[in-house]
PDB file of all heavy atoms in Angstrom:
ATOM      1  N   SER A   1       0.835  -1.199  -0.005  1.00  0.00           N
ATOM      2  CA  SER A   1       0.002   0.004  -0.008  1.00  0.00           C
ATOM      3  C   SER A   1       0.862   1.256  -0.009  1.00  0.00           C
ATOM      4  O   SER A   1       0.525   2.262  -0.639  1.00  0.00           O
ATOM      5  CB  SER A   1      -0.937   0.002   1.218  1.00  0.00           C
ATOM      6  OG  SER A   1      -1.834  -1.079   1.149  1.00  0.00           O
ATOM      7  N   SER A   2       1.983   1.192   0.737  1.00  0.00           N
ATOM      8  CA  SER A   2       2.910   2.326   0.717  1.00  0.00           C
ATOM      9  C   SER A   2       3.428   2.574  -0.705  1.00  0.00           C
ATOM     10  O   SER A   2       3.546   3.712  -1.145  1.00  0.00           O
ATOM     11  CB  SER A   2       4.100   2.062   1.635  1.00  0.00           C
ATOM     12  OG  SER A   2       3.716   2.021   2.995  1.00  0.00           O
ATOM     13  N   ALA A   3       3.760   1.485  -1.389  1.00  0.00           N
ATOM     14  CA  ALA A   3       4.300   1.632  -2.742  1.00  0.00           C
ATOM     15  C   ALA A   3       3.256   2.269  -3.685  1.00  0.00           C
ATOM     16  O   ALA A   3       3.598   3.132  -4.501  1.00  0.00           O
ATOM     17  CB  ALA A   3       4.714   0.253  -3.269  1.00  0.00           C
ATOM     18  N   ILE A   4       1.992   1.830  -3.559  1.00  0.00           N
ATOM     19  CA  ILE A   4       0.954   2.440  -4.398  1.00  0.00           C
ATOM     20  C   ILE A   4       0.768   3.905  -4.103  1.00  0.00           C
ATOM     21  O   ILE A   4       0.665   4.751  -4.999  1.00  0.00           O
ATOM     22  CB  ILE A   4      -0.384   1.661  -4.215  1.00  0.00           C
ATOM     23  CG1 ILE A   4      -0.286   0.242  -4.797  1.00  0.00           C
ATOM     24  CG2 ILE A   4      -1.548   2.423  -4.849  1.00  0.00           C
ATOM     25  CD1 ILE A   4      -1.516  -0.612  -4.572  1.00  0.00           C
ATOM     26  N   TRP A   5       0.762   4.244  -2.802  1.00  0.00           N
ATOM     27  CA  TRP A   5       0.604   5.670  -2.410  1.00  0.00           C
ATOM     28  C   TRP A   5       1.755   6.502  -2.912  1.00  0.00           C
ATOM     29  O   TRP A   5       1.544   7.592  -3.450  1.00  0.00           O
ATOM     30  CB  TRP A   5       0.507   5.728  -0.879  1.00  0.00           C
ATOM     31  CG  TRP A   5       0.126   7.083  -0.355  1.00  0.00           C
ATOM     32  CD1 TRP A   5      -1.143   7.544  -0.107  1.00  0.00           C
ATOM     33  CD2 TRP A   5       1.003   8.136  -0.008  1.00  0.00           C
ATOM     34  NE1 TRP A   5      -1.108   8.805   0.369  1.00  0.00           N
ATOM     35  CE2 TRP A   5       0.213   9.229   0.453  1.00  0.00           C
ATOM     36  CE3 TRP A   5       2.394   8.285  -0.020  1.00  0.00           C
ATOM     37  CZ2 TRP A   5       0.770  10.445   0.861  1.00  0.00           C
ATOM     38  CZ3 TRP A   5       2.955   9.500   0.393  1.00  0.00           C
ATOM     39  CH2 TRP A   5       2.155  10.556   0.827  1.00  0.00           C
ATOM     40  N   ILE A   6       2.991   6.011  -2.724  1.00  0.00           N
ATOM     41  CA  ILE A   6       4.173   6.736  -3.182  1.00  0.00           C
ATOM     42  C   ILE A   6       4.178   6.868  -4.697  1.00  0.00           C
ATOM     43  O   ILE A   6       4.493   7.911  -5.261  1.00  0.00           O
ATOM     44  CB  ILE A   6       5.446   6.030  -2.691  1.00  0.00           C
ATOM     45  CG1 ILE A   6       5.573   6.191  -1.171  1.00  0.00           C
ATOM     46  CG2 ILE A   6       6.684   6.574  -3.375  1.00  0.00           C
ATOM     47  CD1 ILE A   6       6.695   5.343  -0.571  1.00  0.00           C
ATOM     48  N   ASP A   7       3.797   5.789  -5.400  1.00  0.00           N
ATOM     49  CA  ASP A   7       3.794   5.821  -6.844  1.00  0.00           C
ATOM     50  C   ASP A   7       2.793   6.865  -7.358  1.00  0.00           C
ATOM     51  O   ASP A   7       3.036   7.514  -8.400  1.00  0.00           O
ATOM     52  CB  ASP A   7       3.405   4.428  -7.376  1.00  0.00           C
ATOM     53  CG  ASP A   7       3.540   4.312  -8.880  1.00  0.00           C
ATOM     54  OD1 ASP A   7       4.685   4.427  -9.373  1.00  0.00           O
ATOM     55  OD2 ASP A   7       2.528   4.116  -9.560  1.00  0.00           O
ATOM     56  N   LYS A   8       1.704   7.014  -6.642  1.00  0.00           N
ATOM     57  CA  LYS A   8       0.667   7.954  -7.075  1.00  0.00           C
ATOM     58  C   LYS A   8       0.955   9.412  -6.721  1.00  0.00           C
ATOM     59  O   LYS A   8       0.732  10.323  -7.514  1.00  0.00           O
ATOM     60  CB  LYS A   8      -0.688   7.518  -6.463  1.00  0.00           C
ATOM     61  CG  LYS A   8      -1.877   8.345  -6.928  1.00  0.00           C
ATOM     62  CD  LYS A   8      -3.162   7.801  -6.350  1.00  0.00           C
ATOM     63  CE  LYS A   8      -4.368   8.617  -6.798  1.00  0.00           C
ATOM     64  NZ  LYS A   8      -5.660   8.114  -6.255  1.00  0.00           N
ATOM     65  N   PHE A   9       1.484   9.633  -5.501  1.00  0.00           N
ATOM     66  CA  PHE A   9       1.601  10.984  -4.992  1.00  0.00           C
ATOM     67  C   PHE A   9       3.040  11.524  -4.983  1.00  0.00           C
ATOM     68  O   PHE A   9       3.229  12.732  -4.867  1.00  0.00           O
ATOM     69  CB  PHE A   9       1.018  11.087  -3.562  1.00  0.00           C
ATOM     70  CG  PHE A   9      -0.448  10.824  -3.514  1.00  0.00           C
ATOM     71  CD1 PHE A   9      -0.935   9.626  -3.008  1.00  0.00           C
ATOM     72  CD2 PHE A   9      -1.356  11.748  -3.983  1.00  0.00           C
ATOM     73  CE1 PHE A   9      -2.293   9.375  -2.955  1.00  0.00           C
ATOM     74  CE2 PHE A   9      -2.734  11.522  -3.916  1.00  0.00           C
ATOM     75  CZ  PHE A   9      -3.203  10.316  -3.406  1.00  0.00           C
ATOM     76  N   GLU A  10       4.037  10.685  -5.070  1.00  0.00           N
ATOM     77  CA  GLU A  10       5.416  11.181  -4.996  1.00  0.00           C
ATOM     78  C   GLU A  10       6.284  10.746  -6.170  1.00  0.00           C
ATOM     79  O   GLU A  10       7.070  11.518  -6.688  1.00  0.00           O
ATOM     80  CB  GLU A  10       6.074  10.683  -3.685  1.00  0.00           C
ATOM     81  CG  GLU A  10       5.470  11.251  -2.437  1.00  0.00           C
ATOM     82  CD  GLU A  10       6.210  10.860  -1.185  1.00  0.00           C
ATOM     83  OE1 GLU A  10       7.317  10.244  -1.323  1.00  0.00           O
ATOM     84  OE2 GLU A  10       5.740  11.140  -0.073  1.00  0.00           O
ATOM     85  N   ALA A  11       6.139   9.484  -6.617  1.00  0.00           N
ATOM     86  CA  ALA A  11       7.045   8.967  -7.637  1.00  0.00           C
ATOM     87  C   ALA A  11       6.552   9.197  -9.054  1.00  0.00           C
ATOM     88  O   ALA A  11       7.289   8.922 -10.011  1.00  0.00           O
ATOM     89  CB  ALA A  11       7.281   7.485  -7.412  1.00  0.00           C
ATOM     90  N   ASP A  12       5.330   9.716  -9.178  1.00  0.00           N
ATOM     91  CA  ASP A  12       4.783  10.023 -10.510  1.00  0.00           C
ATOM     92  C   ASP A  12       4.851   8.816 -11.441  1.00  0.00           C
ATOM     93  O   ASP A  12       5.235   8.928 -12.610  1.00  0.00           O
ATOM     94  CB  ASP A  12       5.526  11.216 -11.123  1.00  0.00           C
ATOM     95  CG  ASP A  12       4.765  11.823 -12.308  1.00  0.00           C
ATOM     96  OD1 ASP A  12       3.514  11.637 -12.343  1.00  0.00           O
ATOM     97  OD2 ASP A  12       5.419  12.399 -13.175  1.00  0.00           O
ATOM     98  N   GLY A  13       4.498   7.618 -10.896  1.00  0.00           N
ATOM     99  CA  GLY A  13       4.467   6.405 -11.712  1.00  0.00           C
ATOM    100  C   GLY A  13       5.769   5.693 -11.914  1.00  0.00           C
ATOM    101  O   GLY A  13       5.842   4.690 -12.635  1.00  0.00           O
ATOM    102  N   ALA A  14       6.849   6.173 -11.268  1.00  0.00           N
ATOM    103  CA  ALA A  14       8.169   5.559 -11.470  1.00  0.00           C
ATOM    104  C   ALA A  14       8.249   4.130 -10.950  1.00  0.00           C
ATOM    105  O   ALA A  14       8.894   3.278 -11.548  1.00  0.00           O
ATOM    106  CB  ALA A  14       9.247   6.408 -10.785  1.00  0.00           C
ATOM    107  N   LEU A  15       7.591   3.850  -9.812  1.00  0.00           N
ATOM    108  CA  LEU A  15       7.605   2.501  -9.264  1.00  0.00           C
ATOM    109  C   LEU A  15       6.782   1.547 -10.147  1.00  0.00           C
ATOM    110  O   LEU A  15       7.186   0.390 -10.382  1.00  0.00           O
ATOM    111  CB  LEU A  15       7.070   2.496  -7.839  1.00  0.00           C
ATOM    112  CG  LEU A  15       7.909   3.201  -6.757  1.00  0.00           C
ATOM    113  CD1 LEU A  15       7.221   3.136  -5.398  1.00  0.00           C
ATOM    114  CD2 LEU A  15       9.312   2.565  -6.695  1.00  0.00           C
ATOM    115  N   GLY A  16       5.654   2.018 -10.606  1.00  0.00           N
ATOM    116  CA  GLY A  16       4.809   1.195 -11.483  1.00  0.00           C
ATOM    117  C   GLY A  16       5.497   0.823 -12.779  1.00  0.00           C
ATOM    118  O   GLY A  16       5.270  -0.240 -13.346  1.00  0.00           O
ATOM    119  N   ALA A  17       6.378   1.691 -13.228  1.00  0.00           N
ATOM    120  CA  ALA A  17       7.110   1.420 -14.478  1.00  0.00           C
ATOM    121  C   ALA A  17       8.156   0.335 -14.322  1.00  0.00           C
ATOM    122  O   ALA A  17       8.703  -0.148 -15.330  1.00  0.00           O
ATOM    123  CB  ALA A  17       7.737   2.699 -14.975  1.00  0.00           C
ATOM    124  N   MET A  18       8.462  -0.033 -13.070  1.00  0.00           N
ATOM    125  CA  MET A  18       9.538  -1.003 -12.826  1.00  0.00           C
ATOM    126  C   MET A  18       9.004  -2.374 -12.398  1.00  0.00           C
ATOM    127  O   MET A  18       9.778  -3.187 -11.911  1.00  0.00           O
ATOM    128  CB  MET A  18      10.471  -0.473 -11.739  1.00  0.00           C
ATOM    129  CG  MET A  18      11.177   0.828 -12.085  1.00  0.00           C
ATOM    130  SD  MET A  18      12.320   1.330 -10.803  1.00  0.00           S
ATOM    131  CE  MET A  18      13.491  -0.009 -10.877  1.00  0.00           C
ATOM    132  N   VAL A  19       7.709  -2.637 -12.591  1.00  0.00           N
ATOM    133  CA  VAL A  19       7.156  -3.885 -12.099  1.00  0.00           C
ATOM    134  C   VAL A  19       7.729  -5.097 -12.819  1.00  0.00           C
ATOM    135  O   VAL A  19       7.678  -6.223 -12.279  1.00  0.00           O
ATOM    136  CB  VAL A  19       5.611  -3.894 -12.235  1.00  0.00           C
ATOM    137  CG1 VAL A  19       4.984  -2.868 -11.314  1.00  0.00           C
ATOM    138  CG2 VAL A  19       5.188  -3.675 -13.695  1.00  0.00           C
ATOM    139  N   ASN A  20       8.310  -4.903 -13.995  1.00  0.00           N
ATOM    140  CA  ASN A  20       8.897  -6.024 -14.707  1.00  0.00           C
ATOM    141  C   ASN A  20      10.351  -6.262 -14.287  1.00  0.00           C
ATOM    142  O   ASN A  20      11.026  -7.122 -14.856  1.00  0.00           O
ATOM    143  CB  ASN A  20       8.851  -5.775 -16.208  1.00  0.00           C
ATOM    144  CG  ASN A  20       7.416  -5.789 -16.741  1.00  0.00           C
ATOM    145  OD1 ASN A  20       6.605  -6.561 -16.250  1.00  0.00           O
ATOM    146  ND2 ASN A  20       7.134  -4.951 -17.703  1.00  0.00           N
ATOM    147  N   ASN A  21      10.830  -5.497 -13.326  1.00  0.00           N
ATOM    148  CA  ASN A  21      12.183  -5.657 -12.787  1.00  0.00           C
ATOM    149  C   ASN A  21      12.104  -5.786 -11.264  1.00  0.00           C
ATOM    150  O   ASN A  21      12.600  -4.906 -10.549  1.00  0.00           O
ATOM    151  CB  ASN A  21      13.061  -4.486 -13.211  1.00  0.00           C
ATOM    152  CG  ASN A  21      14.522  -4.758 -12.956  1.00  0.00           C
ATOM    153  OD1 ASN A  21      14.913  -5.873 -12.564  1.00  0.00           O
ATOM    154  ND2 ASN A  21      15.359  -3.753 -13.156  1.00  0.00           N
ATOM    155  N   PRO A  22      11.469  -6.847 -10.754  1.00  0.00           N
ATOM    156  CA  PRO A  22      11.214  -6.943  -9.313  1.00  0.00           C
ATOM    157  C   PRO A  22      12.483  -7.127  -8.477  1.00  0.00           C
ATOM    158  O   PRO A  22      12.445  -6.885  -7.271  1.00  0.00           O
ATOM    159  CB  PRO A  22      10.332  -8.187  -9.194  1.00  0.00           C
ATOM    160  CG  PRO A  22      10.654  -9.006 -10.399  1.00  0.00           C
ATOM    161  CD  PRO A  22      10.965  -8.030 -11.488  1.00  0.00           C
ATOM    162  N   ASP A  23      13.612  -7.495  -9.093  1.00  0.00           N
ATOM    163  CA  ASP A  23      14.830  -7.729  -8.310  1.00  0.00           C
ATOM    164  C   ASP A  23      15.269  -6.461  -7.597  1.00  0.00           C
ATOM    165  O   ASP A  23      15.796  -6.522  -6.487  1.00  0.00           O
ATOM    166  CB  ASP A  23      15.976  -8.193  -9.236  1.00  0.00           C
ATOM    167  CG  ASP A  23      15.702  -9.576  -9.815  1.00  0.00           C
ATOM    168  OD1 ASP A  23      14.847 -10.285  -9.233  1.00  0.00           O
ATOM    169  OD2 ASP A  23      16.328  -9.940 -10.814  1.00  0.00           O
ATOM    170  N   ILE A  24      15.056  -5.277  -8.222  1.00  0.00           N
ATOM    171  CA  ILE A  24      15.547  -4.043  -7.615  1.00  0.00           C
ATOM    172  C   ILE A  24      14.414  -3.113  -7.171  1.00  0.00           C
ATOM    173  O   ILE A  24      14.658  -2.043  -6.635  1.00  0.00           O
ATOM    174  CB  ILE A  24      16.475  -3.270  -8.587  1.00  0.00           C
ATOM    175  CG1 ILE A  24      15.709  -2.867  -9.850  1.00  0.00           C
ATOM    176  CG2 ILE A  24      17.699  -4.134  -8.947  1.00  0.00           C
ATOM    177  CD1 ILE A  24      16.529  -1.955 -10.764  1.00  0.00           C
ATOM    178  N   LEU A  25      13.156  -3.552  -7.399  1.00  0.00           N
ATOM    179  CA  LEU A  25      12.024  -2.683  -7.080  1.00  0.00           C
ATOM    180  C   LEU A  25      11.977  -2.298  -5.598  1.00  0.00           C
ATOM    181  O   LEU A  25      11.670  -1.168  -5.236  1.00  0.00           O
ATOM    182  CB  LEU A  25      10.722  -3.338  -7.498  1.00  0.00           C
ATOM    183  CG  LEU A  25       9.419  -2.511  -7.342  1.00  0.00           C
ATOM    184  CD1 LEU A  25       9.560  -1.178  -8.064  1.00  0.00           C
ATOM    185  CD2 LEU A  25       8.238  -3.290  -7.873  1.00  0.00           C
TER     186      LEU A  25
END
């Protein structure tokens, strides 16, 4: 839930763009 909140309000979708690289997410 933290990741979704951060992706929406702070990261501007940067975390969501890395879902295909879970090793470093």
